[in-house]
N, C-alpha and C. Protein backbone atom coordinates (compact mmCIF):
# COMPACT_ATOMS: atom_id res chain seq x y z
N UNK A 1 0.89 -1.18 -0.03
CA UNK A 1 0.05 0.04 -0.03
C UNK A 1 0.79 1.21 0.03
N UNK A 2 0.29 2.28 -0.68
CA UNK A 2 1.16 3.59 -0.67
C UNK A 2 0.18 4.63 -0.15
N UNK A 3 0.89 5.83 0.31
CA UNK A 3 0.17 6.84 0.84
C UNK A 3 -0.07 7.90 -0.23
N UNK A 4 -1.35 8.45 -0.33
CA UNK A 4 -1.65 9.48 -1.26
C UNK A 4 -2.28 10.65 -0.57
N UNK A 5 -1.94 11.85 -1.09
CA UNK A 5 -2.46 12.98 -0.76
C UNK A 5 -3.60 13.45 -1.59
N UNK A 6 -4.87 13.50 -1.03
CA UNK A 6 -5.96 13.81 -1.76
C UNK A 6 -6.59 15.16 -1.44
N UNK A 7 -7.06 15.93 -2.33
CA UNK A 7 -7.68 17.22 -2.16
C UNK A 7 -9.13 17.36 -2.82
N UNK A 8 -10.01 17.83 -2.26
CA UNK A 8 -11.37 17.98 -2.71
C UNK A 8 -11.28 19.16 -3.75
N UNK A 9 -11.87 19.00 -4.99
CA UNK A 9 -11.90 19.97 -5.98
C UNK A 9 -13.07 21.04 -5.91
N UNK A 10 -13.95 20.73 -5.20
CA UNK A 10 -15.14 21.50 -5.01
C UNK A 10 -14.77 22.84 -4.32
N UNK A 11 -15.31 23.90 -4.94
CA UNK A 11 -14.91 25.20 -4.30
C UNK A 11 -15.45 25.29 -2.98
N UNK A 12 -14.61 26.12 -2.08
CA UNK A 12 -15.15 26.49 -0.76
C UNK A 12 -16.36 27.34 -0.92
N UNK A 13 -17.17 27.26 0.01
CA UNK A 13 -18.49 28.10 -0.09
C UNK A 13 -18.13 29.54 0.69
N UNK A 14 -17.08 29.66 1.40
CA UNK A 14 -16.67 30.94 1.97
C UNK A 14 -15.55 31.62 1.48
N UNK A 15 -15.41 32.81 1.53
CA UNK A 15 -14.12 33.61 0.91
C UNK A 15 -12.98 33.21 1.61
N UNK A 16 -12.03 32.73 1.02
CA UNK A 16 -10.68 32.39 1.58
C UNK A 16 -9.77 31.96 0.34
N UNK A 17 -8.48 31.71 0.77
CA UNK A 17 -7.56 31.30 -0.30
C UNK A 17 -7.73 29.83 -0.71
N UNK A 18 -8.77 29.21 -0.08
CA UNK A 18 -9.13 27.89 -0.30
C UNK A 18 -9.64 27.64 -1.77
N UNK A 19 -9.76 28.68 -2.63
CA UNK A 19 -10.29 28.33 -3.85
C UNK A 19 -8.91 28.02 -4.66
N UNK A 20 -7.79 28.28 -4.14
CA UNK A 20 -6.58 27.95 -4.69
C UNK A 20 -6.25 26.47 -4.34
N UNK A 21 -6.19 25.65 -5.12
CA UNK A 21 -6.04 24.17 -5.00
C UNK A 21 -4.77 23.87 -4.12
N UNK A 22 -3.74 24.61 -4.28
CA UNK A 22 -2.47 24.39 -3.55
C UNK A 22 -2.60 24.76 -2.10
N UNK A 23 -3.54 25.57 -1.77
CA UNK A 23 -3.72 26.14 -0.39
C UNK A 23 -4.75 25.04 0.38
N UNK A 24 -5.20 24.16 -0.20
CA UNK A 24 -6.15 23.37 0.33
C UNK A 24 -5.69 22.19 1.32
N UNK A 25 -6.42 21.87 2.36
CA UNK A 25 -6.03 20.74 3.27
C UNK A 25 -6.07 19.37 2.57
N UNK A 26 -5.03 18.68 2.83
CA UNK A 26 -4.75 17.42 2.31
C UNK A 26 -5.41 16.38 3.09
N UNK A 27 -5.86 15.34 2.51
CA UNK A 27 -6.46 14.13 3.26
C UNK A 27 -5.52 13.01 2.86
N UNK A 28 -4.74 12.35 3.85
CA UNK A 28 -3.64 11.50 3.68
C UNK A 28 -4.43 10.24 3.74
N UNK A 29 -4.37 9.33 2.57
CA UNK A 29 -5.07 8.16 2.49
C UNK A 29 -4.03 6.98 2.11
N UNK A 30 -4.02 5.83 2.84
CA UNK A 30 -3.29 4.68 2.36
C UNK A 30 -4.19 3.80 1.53
N UNK A 31 -3.76 3.47 0.39
CA UNK A 31 -4.46 2.77 -0.67
C UNK A 31 -3.54 1.91 -1.43
N UNK A 32 -4.07 1.01 -2.27
CA UNK A 32 -3.30 0.10 -3.13
C UNK A 32 -2.96 0.97 -4.40
N UNK A 33 -3.68 1.90 -4.83
CA UNK A 33 -3.44 2.64 -6.00
C UNK A 33 -4.20 4.02 -6.07
N UNK A 34 -4.03 4.79 -7.11
CA UNK A 34 -4.69 6.21 -7.09
C UNK A 34 -6.27 6.01 -7.18
N UNK A 35 -6.71 5.04 -7.83
CA UNK A 35 -8.16 4.81 -8.10
C UNK A 35 -8.66 4.48 -6.77
N UNK A 36 -8.04 3.64 -5.98
CA UNK A 36 -8.60 3.22 -4.69
C UNK A 36 -8.68 4.41 -3.63
N UNK A 37 -7.63 5.40 -3.82
CA UNK A 37 -7.61 6.57 -3.01
C UNK A 37 -8.61 7.48 -3.29
N UNK A 38 -9.03 7.63 -4.65
CA UNK A 38 -10.02 8.44 -5.23
C UNK A 38 -11.40 7.85 -4.68
N UNK A 39 -11.60 6.46 -4.70
CA UNK A 39 -12.71 5.91 -4.26
C UNK A 39 -13.03 6.06 -2.77
N UNK A 40 -11.95 6.08 -1.98
CA UNK A 40 -12.13 6.37 -0.50
C UNK A 40 -12.57 7.88 -0.45
N UNK A 41 -12.01 8.77 -1.20
CA UNK A 41 -12.51 10.16 -1.04
C UNK A 41 -13.96 10.26 -1.41
N UNK A 42 -14.34 9.44 -2.47
CA UNK A 42 -15.82 9.58 -2.89
C UNK A 42 -16.68 8.98 -1.84
N UNK A 43 -16.20 7.93 -1.09
CA UNK A 43 -16.93 7.39 0.04
C UNK A 43 -17.15 8.42 1.19
N UNK A 44 -16.12 9.18 1.41
CA UNK A 44 -16.16 10.12 2.53
C UNK A 44 -16.91 11.46 2.15
N UNK A 45 -16.81 11.83 0.78
CA UNK A 45 -17.49 12.99 0.24
C UNK A 45 -18.33 12.67 -0.99
N UNK A 46 -19.31 12.05 -0.76
CA UNK A 46 -20.23 11.55 -1.98
C UNK A 46 -20.80 12.64 -2.78
N UNK A 47 -21.06 13.80 -2.13
CA UNK A 47 -21.84 14.94 -2.76
C UNK A 47 -20.73 15.69 -3.67
N UNK A 48 -19.53 15.38 -3.69
CA UNK A 48 -18.53 16.09 -4.40
C UNK A 48 -17.79 15.17 -5.59
N UNK A 49 -18.45 14.02 -5.90
CA UNK A 49 -17.78 13.22 -6.86
C UNK A 49 -17.88 13.90 -8.25
N UNK A 50 -18.93 14.67 -8.54
CA UNK A 50 -19.01 15.40 -9.84
C UNK A 50 -17.86 16.31 -10.04
N UNK A 51 -17.26 17.00 -8.92
CA UNK A 51 -16.17 17.98 -9.04
C UNK A 51 -14.86 17.21 -8.98
N UNK A 52 -14.98 16.09 -8.41
CA UNK A 52 -13.81 15.11 -8.33
C UNK A 52 -12.77 15.54 -7.20
N UNK A 53 -11.61 14.78 -7.28
CA UNK A 53 -10.54 14.92 -6.22
C UNK A 53 -9.27 14.83 -6.93
N UNK A 54 -8.39 15.51 -6.37
CA UNK A 54 -7.01 15.44 -6.91
C UNK A 54 -6.35 14.46 -5.96
N UNK A 55 -5.63 13.51 -6.70
CA UNK A 55 -4.84 12.42 -5.93
C UNK A 55 -3.46 12.45 -6.50
N UNK A 56 -2.56 12.56 -5.37
CA UNK A 56 -1.07 12.56 -5.64
C UNK A 56 -0.40 11.53 -4.81
N UNK A 57 0.53 10.86 -5.41
CA UNK A 57 1.26 9.89 -4.60
C UNK A 57 2.16 10.73 -3.62
N UNK A 58 2.05 10.34 -2.42
CA UNK A 58 2.79 11.19 -1.30
C UNK A 58 3.88 10.18 -0.50
N UNK A 59 4.95 10.90 -0.33
CA UNK A 59 5.90 10.19 0.42
C UNK A 59 6.12 10.87 1.69
N UNK A 60 5.69 10.25 2.80
CA UNK A 60 5.69 10.77 4.06
C UNK A 60 7.21 10.84 4.55
N UNK A 61 7.47 11.47 5.64
CA UNK A 61 8.80 11.49 6.16
C UNK A 61 8.67 11.54 7.73
N UNK A 62 9.74 10.91 8.35
CA UNK A 62 9.72 11.10 9.87
C UNK A 62 10.14 12.48 10.32
N UNK A 63 9.52 12.88 11.33
CA UNK A 63 9.95 14.27 11.85
C UNK A 63 10.30 14.02 13.26
N UNK A 64 11.38 14.74 13.81
CA UNK A 64 11.81 14.72 14.99
C UNK A 64 11.69 16.10 15.57
N UNK A 65 11.00 16.26 16.73
CA UNK A 65 10.68 17.54 17.18
C UNK A 65 11.67 17.67 18.45
N UNK A 66 12.42 18.75 18.54
CA UNK A 66 13.26 18.97 19.59
C UNK A 66 12.97 20.26 20.23
N UNK A 67 13.31 20.47 21.48
CA UNK A 67 13.10 21.75 22.08
C UNK A 67 14.37 22.50 22.24
N UNK A 68 14.49 23.65 21.87
CA UNK A 68 15.70 24.45 21.93
C UNK A 68 15.39 25.63 22.82
N UNK A 69 16.27 25.82 23.79
CA UNK A 69 16.25 27.01 24.68
C UNK A 69 17.49 27.82 24.66
N UNK A 70 17.28 29.08 24.66
CA UNK A 70 18.22 29.95 24.69
C UNK A 70 19.04 29.89 26.16
N UNK A 71 20.24 29.95 26.10
CA UNK A 71 21.04 29.82 27.40
C UNK A 71 21.02 31.23 28.04
N UNK A 72 20.93 31.29 29.25
CA UNK A 72 20.97 32.65 29.90
C UNK A 72 22.32 33.08 29.89
N UNK A 73 22.64 34.28 29.58
CA UNK A 73 23.85 34.91 29.44
C UNK A 73 24.32 35.45 30.87
N UNK A 74 25.46 35.12 31.27
CA UNK A 74 25.93 35.63 32.61
C UNK A 74 26.47 37.12 32.55
N UNK A 75 26.57 37.58 31.15
CA UNK A 75 27.04 38.98 30.99
C UNK A 75 25.87 40.06 31.08
N UNK A 76 24.55 39.59 31.20
CA UNK A 76 23.54 40.60 31.26
C UNK A 76 23.21 40.92 32.70
């Protein structure tokens, strides 16, 4: 299975930058292929199948979060 980033093509109903497809929230779906990912989006959003969905293969990555603190200066 692969991970796919899917976006809803239907226009947002409120004014925002969401009408720009690159600014839209991604839905990350594990599926056997692009068609299966599209079908999962259709299951989740059946009222938007006419507008369709954008499906892109996605390669996730591991993220390590670290806390960085500024050292107190003895000169202050």
